[in-house]
C-alpha cells in the first residue's frame, strides 16, 4: 500500500514537468528572435477574469524562457483594471476582496521577475480617485496609457489586449 501511495505521489509530482517537456514549441514564429516584447493592455475589471489571465501571462513568460527568448513585458492598466491595482481593497465589493488580494500577490510575483514593468493610466485611476501612493508598489502612474501603447509599439512591443 505504501509503495502504491509513493508511486502515485511521485507521478503527481513528475506529471506537470513531463507535460511541460512535451509542450509544443513556437519555433517558426520566434525564429531569429532573442527577445520577446509584449505590452499587456489590461482593461479587464472583473477580478475572477483577471486572475485567470494573469496565470496565462505567467505561463507565456515561462514559455518564452523555455524557448530561449528573453522576456520584456510591460503591463498597462487602464479602464476597470485600474480599480484592481489599488493597495487598499476598501472600495471593492466584499465578495471580490479575496480574489483581488490574490491578484495583488500574482502581480507582486510577476514584478519580481526580470524584464517586467507595470504602469497605470492616470485617466483611468482618476475614476477611482487613486494617485501614485494608492497603487501597489512597483506600478508606476503615467499620464496616458494610449501614449504608452503607441510608444512601446514603436519600440517593437506587440500589444495584446486583456479585456
Protein backbone atom coordinates (compact mmCIF):
# COMPACT_ATOMS: atom_id res chain seq x y z
CA UNK A 1 0.00 0.00 0.00
CA UNK A 2 2.83 2.40 0.86
CA UNK A 3 4.51 1.66 -2.49
CA UNK A 4 1.29 2.41 -4.32
CA UNK A 5 0.89 5.70 -2.46
CA UNK A 6 4.54 6.61 -3.04
CA UNK A 7 4.21 5.82 -6.77
CA UNK A 8 1.08 7.93 -7.01
CA UNK A 9 2.73 10.88 -5.25
CA UNK A 10 5.86 10.63 -7.39
CA UNK A 11 3.72 10.53 -10.52
CA UNK A 12 1.72 13.54 -9.37
CA UNK A 13 4.95 15.48 -8.86
CA UNK A 14 6.50 14.46 -12.18
CA UNK A 15 3.49 14.79 -14.48
CA UNK A 16 3.44 18.59 -14.61
CA UNK A 17 7.13 18.59 -15.60
CA UNK A 18 6.55 15.92 -18.21
CA UNK A 19 3.61 17.86 -19.63
CA UNK A 20 5.81 20.95 -19.89
CA UNK A 21 8.55 18.95 -21.60
CA UNK A 22 6.02 17.68 -24.15
CA UNK A 23 4.53 21.12 -24.76
CA UNK A 24 4.88 22.13 -28.41
CA UNK A 25 7.25 24.93 -29.32
CA UNK A 26 6.78 28.08 -31.33
CA UNK A 27 9.98 27.89 -33.37
CA UNK A 28 8.52 29.12 -36.65
CA UNK A 29 7.01 32.25 -35.10
CA UNK A 30 10.04 33.18 -32.98
CA UNK A 31 12.79 32.21 -35.43
CA UNK A 32 15.67 34.70 -35.27
CA UNK A 33 14.40 36.39 -32.11
CA UNK A 34 16.40 36.79 -28.91
CA UNK A 35 13.91 38.96 -27.01
CA UNK A 36 10.15 38.75 -26.74
CA UNK A 37 8.48 42.14 -26.21
CA UNK A 38 4.84 42.19 -25.16
CA UNK A 39 2.74 45.06 -23.90
CA UNK A 40 -0.23 43.69 -22.00
CA UNK A 41 -3.08 46.21 -22.46
CA UNK A 42 -5.14 45.32 -19.39
CA UNK A 43 -8.65 46.76 -19.14
CA UNK A 44 -10.49 43.84 -17.52
CA UNK A 45 -12.26 44.97 -14.37
CA UNK A 46 -13.64 41.62 -13.16
CA UNK A 47 -11.30 40.08 -10.58
CA UNK A 48 -12.08 36.43 -11.44
CA UNK A 49 -11.32 37.01 -15.11
CA UNK A 50 -8.15 38.98 -14.43
CA UNK A 51 -6.65 36.38 -12.12
CA UNK A 52 -7.15 33.71 -14.79
CA UNK A 53 -5.43 35.92 -17.39
CA UNK A 54 -2.51 36.55 -15.05
CA UNK A 55 -1.91 32.80 -14.91
CA UNK A 56 -1.71 32.67 -18.71
CA UNK A 57 0.60 35.70 -18.75
CA UNK A 58 2.96 33.93 -16.32
CA UNK A 59 2.83 30.82 -18.49
CA UNK A 60 3.71 32.98 -21.51
CA UNK A 61 6.71 34.39 -19.63
CA UNK A 62 7.85 30.86 -18.76
CA UNK A 63 7.27 29.65 -22.34
CA UNK A 64 9.42 32.47 -23.67
CA UNK A 65 12.26 31.49 -21.36
CA UNK A 66 11.83 27.80 -22.14
CA UNK A 67 12.25 28.58 -25.84
CA UNK A 68 15.29 30.81 -25.42
CA UNK A 69 13.68 34.25 -25.50
CA UNK A 70 14.42 36.97 -23.00
CA UNK A 71 11.01 38.31 -21.89
CA UNK A 72 10.42 42.05 -21.82
CA UNK A 73 6.87 42.70 -20.70
CA UNK A 74 5.03 45.92 -19.96
CA UNK A 75 1.69 45.83 -18.17
CA UNK A 76 -0.51 48.86 -18.93
CA UNK A 77 -3.51 49.01 -16.59
CA UNK A 78 -6.41 51.17 -17.73
CA UNK A 79 -10.20 51.14 -17.66
CA UNK A 80 -11.78 48.96 -14.98
CA UNK A 81 -8.46 47.25 -14.27
CA UNK A 82 -7.21 50.43 -12.61
CA UNK A 83 -9.55 49.78 -9.69
CA UNK A 84 -7.94 46.39 -9.05
CA UNK A 85 -4.38 47.63 -8.53
CA UNK A 86 -5.00 49.85 -5.51
CA UNK A 87 -3.22 48.89 -2.29
CA UNK A 88 -6.48 49.21 -0.37
CA UNK A 89 -9.44 46.95 -1.06
CA UNK A 90 -11.88 49.20 0.84
CA UNK A 91 -13.57 50.38 -2.36
CA UNK A 92 -14.41 46.83 -3.50
CA UNK A 93 -17.47 44.67 -3.00
CA UNK A 94 -16.80 42.27 -0.12
CA UNK A 95 -17.11 39.19 -2.39
CA UNK A 96 -14.23 40.49 -4.59
CA UNK A 97 -11.73 41.28 -1.82
CA UNK A 98 -10.17 37.80 -1.55
CA UNK A 99 -9.72 37.48 -5.31
CA UNK A 100 -8.22 40.97 -5.57
CA UNK A 101 -5.74 40.10 -2.83
CA UNK A 102 -4.73 37.06 -4.92
CA UNK A 103 -4.33 39.38 -7.92
CA UNK A 104 -2.04 41.58 -5.83
CA UNK A 105 0.05 38.53 -4.88
CA UNK A 106 0.33 37.45 -8.52
CA UNK A 107 1.33 40.96 -9.61
CA UNK A 108 3.95 41.11 -6.85
CA UNK A 109 5.33 37.77 -8.05
CA UNK A 110 5.45 38.98 -11.65
CA UNK A 111 7.24 42.16 -10.61
CA UNK A 112 9.99 40.04 -9.06
CA UNK A 113 10.81 38.59 -12.49
CA UNK A 114 13.41 40.12 -14.79
CA UNK A 115 12.06 42.19 -17.67
CA UNK A 116 8.73 43.20 -16.10
CA UNK A 117 7.47 46.80 -15.91
CA UNK A 118 3.98 47.89 -14.83
CA UNK A 119 2.18 51.18 -15.25
CA UNK A 120 -1.29 52.60 -14.69
CA UNK A 121 -3.13 55.26 -16.64
CA UNK A 122 -3.82 58.42 -14.66
CA UNK A 123 -7.00 58.96 -16.68
CA UNK A 124 -8.32 55.58 -15.50
CA UNK A 125 -7.10 55.90 -11.91
CA UNK A 126 -8.88 59.25 -11.63
CA UNK A 127 -12.16 57.32 -11.90
CA UNK A 128 -11.24 55.52 -8.69
CA UNK A 129 -9.69 58.56 -7.01
CA UNK A 130 -6.27 56.87 -6.98
CA UNK A 131 -2.87 58.53 -7.02
CA UNK A 132 0.64 57.04 -7.17
CA UNK A 133 0.79 56.36 -3.42
CA UNK A 134 -2.51 54.45 -3.64
CA UNK A 135 -1.16 51.94 -6.17
CA UNK A 136 0.58 48.67 -5.46
CA UNK A 137 4.34 49.06 -5.09
CA UNK A 138 6.07 48.70 -8.43
CA UNK A 139 3.20 50.05 -10.53
CA UNK A 140 4.03 53.47 -11.94
CA UNK A 141 1.43 56.10 -12.72
CA UNK A 142 1.70 57.54 -16.25
CA UNK A 143 -0.25 60.32 -17.92
CA UNK A 144 -1.99 58.34 -20.64
CA UNK A 145 -1.57 54.65 -21.47
CA UNK A 146 -2.73 55.30 -25.05
CA UNK A 147 0.55 57.17 -25.45
CA UNK A 148 2.36 54.33 -23.69
CA UNK A 149 0.90 51.82 -26.12
CA UNK A 150 1.90 53.97 -29.08
CA UNK A 151 5.42 54.44 -27.72
CA UNK A 152 6.02 50.82 -26.83
CA UNK A 153 4.70 49.63 -30.19
CA UNK A 154 7.22 51.97 -31.84
CA UNK A 155 9.90 50.26 -29.70
CA UNK A 156 8.92 46.85 -31.10
CA UNK A 157 6.47 45.63 -28.47
CA UNK A 158 3.47 43.58 -29.57
CA UNK A 159 0.28 44.74 -27.89
CA UNK A 160 -2.01 42.05 -26.52
CA UNK A 161 -5.35 43.17 -25.11
CA UNK A 162 -6.57 41.64 -21.88
CA UNK A 163 -10.23 42.62 -21.69
